C-alpha atoms as a PDB file:
ATOM      1  CA  UNK A   1     111.672 106.251 138.597  1.00  0.00           C
ATOM      2  CA  UNK A   2     114.387 104.649 140.547  1.00  0.00           C
ATOM      3  CA  UNK A   3     117.847 104.152 139.312  1.00  0.00           C
ATOM      4  CA  UNK A   4     117.417 100.369 139.453  1.00  0.00           C
ATOM      5  CA  UNK A   5     114.392 100.355 137.138  1.00  0.00           C
ATOM      6  CA  UNK A   6     116.232 102.417 134.538  1.00  0.00           C
ATOM      7  CA  UNK A   7     119.062  99.903 134.492  1.00  0.00           C
ATOM      8  CA  UNK A   8     116.629  96.996 134.177  1.00  0.00           C
ATOM      9  CA  UNK A   9     114.831  98.715 131.266  1.00  0.00           C
ATOM     10  CA  UNK A  10     118.105  99.180 129.454  1.00  0.00           C
ATOM     11  CA  UNK A  11     119.036  95.540 129.962  1.00  0.00           C
ATOM     12  CA  UNK A  12     115.668  94.116 128.880  1.00  0.00           C
ATOM     13  CA  UNK A  13     115.484  95.987 125.583  1.00  0.00           C
ATOM     14  CA  UNK A  14     116.813  93.643 122.981  1.00  0.00           C
ATOM     15  CA  UNK A  15     117.410  94.496 119.359  1.00  0.00           C
ATOM     16  CA  UNK A  16     114.531  93.522 117.090  1.00  0.00           C
ATOM     17  CA  UNK A  17     114.917  90.222 115.340  1.00  0.00           C
ATOM     18  CA  UNK A  18     115.084  90.341 111.586  1.00  0.00           C
ATOM     19  CA  UNK A  19     112.071  88.814 109.890  1.00  0.00           C
ATOM     20  CA  UNK A  20     112.614  85.728 107.825  1.00  0.00           C
ATOM     21  CA  UNK A  21     112.688  85.907 104.059  1.00  0.00           C
ATOM     22  CA  UNK A  22     109.395  84.002 103.774  1.00  0.00           C
ATOM     23  CA  UNK A  23     107.517  86.408 106.009  1.00  0.00           C
ATOM     24  CA  UNK A  24     108.968  89.449 104.230  1.00  0.00           C
ATOM     25  CA  UNK A  25     107.994  88.018 100.839  1.00  0.00           C
ATOM     26  CA  UNK A  26     104.522  87.194 102.103  1.00  0.00           C
ATOM     27  CA  UNK A  27     104.031  90.738 103.378  1.00  0.00           C
ATOM     28  CA  UNK A  28     105.364  92.147 100.092  1.00  0.00           C
ATOM     29  CA  UNK A  29     103.009  90.070  97.932  1.00  0.00           C
ATOM     30  CA  UNK A  30      99.999  90.785 100.147  1.00  0.00           C
ATOM     31  CA  UNK A  31     100.717  94.507  99.856  1.00  0.00           C
ATOM     32  CA  UNK A  32     101.235  94.183  96.105  1.00  0.00           C
ATOM     33  CA  UNK A  33      97.931  92.334  95.788  1.00  0.00           C
ATOM     34  CA  UNK A  34      96.091  95.021  97.752  1.00  0.00           C
ATOM     35  CA  UNK A  35      97.592  97.795  95.626  1.00  0.00           C
ATOM     36  CA  UNK A  36      96.652  95.970  92.407  1.00  0.00           C
ATOM     37  CA  UNK A  37      93.082  95.424  93.637  1.00  0.00           C
ATOM     38  CA  UNK A  38      92.833  99.128  94.470  1.00  0.00           C
ATOM     39  CA  UNK A  39      94.175 100.122  91.021  1.00  0.00           C
ATOM     40  CA  UNK A  40      91.788  97.786  89.216  1.00  0.00           C
ATOM     41  CA  UNK A  41      88.905  99.100  91.307  1.00  0.00           C
ATOM     42  CA  UNK A  42      89.782 102.694  90.433  1.00  0.00           C
ATOM     43  CA  UNK A  43      90.040 101.796  86.736  1.00  0.00           C
ATOM     44  CA  UNK A  44      86.637 100.082  86.765  1.00  0.00           C
ATOM     45  CA  UNK A  45      85.135 103.081  88.554  1.00  0.00           C
ATOM     46  CA  UNK A  46      86.681 105.458  85.999  1.00  0.00           C
ATOM     47  CA  UNK A  47      85.345 103.425  83.062  1.00  0.00           C
ATOM     48  CA  UNK A  48      81.920 103.132  84.687  1.00  0.00           C
ATOM     49  CA  UNK A  49      81.721 106.908  85.176  1.00  0.00           C
ATOM     50  CA  UNK A  50      82.633 107.518  81.522  1.00  0.00           C
ATOM     51  CA  UNK A  51      79.785 105.390  80.187  1.00  0.00           C
ATOM     52  CA  UNK A  52      76.662 107.166  78.924  1.00  0.00           C
ATOM     53  CA  UNK A  53      73.465 106.666  80.855  1.00  0.00           C
ATOM     54  CA  UNK A  54      71.274 103.742  79.866  1.00  0.00           C
ATOM     55  CA  UNK A  55      68.354 106.081  79.316  1.00  0.00           C
ATOM     56  CA  UNK A  56      70.327 108.072  76.737  1.00  0.00           C
ATOM     57  CA  UNK A  57      71.293 104.900  74.863  1.00  0.00           C
ATOM     58  CA  UNK A  58      67.826 103.361  74.734  1.00  0.00           C
ATOM     59  CA  UNK A  59      65.888 106.504  73.896  1.00  0.00           C
ATOM     60  CA  UNK A  60      68.203 108.128  71.388  1.00  0.00           C
ATOM     61  CA  UNK A  61      66.280 109.983  68.733  1.00  0.00           C
ATOM     62  CA  UNK A  62      67.659 111.254  65.495  1.00  0.00           C
ATOM     63  CA  UNK A  63      66.338 112.689  62.305  1.00  0.00           C
ATOM     64  CA  UNK A  64      65.353 109.974  59.839  1.00  0.00           C
ATOM     65  CA  UNK A  65      67.314 109.718  56.612  1.00  0.00           C
ATOM     66  CA  UNK A  66      65.809 109.259  53.185  1.00  0.00           C
ATOM     67  CA  UNK A  67      67.472 108.414  49.888  1.00  0.00           C
ATOM     68  CA  UNK A  68      65.783 109.004  46.527  1.00  0.00           C
ATOM     69  CA  UNK A  69      66.738 106.506  43.830  1.00  0.00           C
ATOM     70  CA  UNK A  70      65.971 106.491  40.135  1.00  0.00           C
ATOM     71  CA  UNK A  71      64.571 103.436  38.394  1.00  0.00           C
ATOM     72  CA  UNK A  72      68.095 102.105  37.751  1.00  0.00           C
ATOM     73  CA  UNK A  73      68.951 102.228  41.479  1.00  0.00           C
ATOM     74  CA  UNK A  74      71.291 105.209  41.312  1.00  0.00           C
ATOM     75  CA  UNK A  75      71.050 107.800  44.039  1.00  0.00           C
ATOM     76  CA  UNK A  76      69.355 111.042  43.070  1.00  0.00           C
ATOM     77  CA  UNK A  77      69.397 112.794  46.434  1.00  0.00           C
ATOM     78  CA  UNK A  78      69.919 111.880  50.088  1.00  0.00           C
ATOM     79  CA  UNK A  79      68.579 113.840  53.023  1.00  0.00           C
ATOM     80  CA  UNK A  80      69.410 113.377  56.705  1.00  0.00           C
ATOM     81  CA  UNK A  81      72.315 111.608  58.299  1.00  0.00           C
ATOM     82  CA  UNK A  82      72.712 108.114  56.902  1.00  0.00           C
ATOM     83  CA  UNK A  83      73.994 105.774  59.614  1.00  0.00           C
ATOM     84  CA  UNK A  84      74.476 102.665  57.528  1.00  0.00           C
ATOM     85  CA  UNK A  85      73.382 100.981  54.331  1.00  0.00           C
ATOM     86  CA  UNK A  86      72.176  97.485  53.628  1.00  0.00           C
END
């Protein structure tokens, strides 16, 4: 490089202009939006991976329960796991 080109390069480099407040805020909110979308996506993925498989839900088998009652309706004996009563 010549000496003249070095001097021209030094003269042509200007300090960077500061961005306006509007453009800085726009960039900030766009970045914030992208981070929030990524966080929500990760949360949905985490919840989806924690769910049991549909096959396990639809084909769940368990031992049937039986309750023996006397003629007055009082319970004599119950066998098996009782899930709910009507």
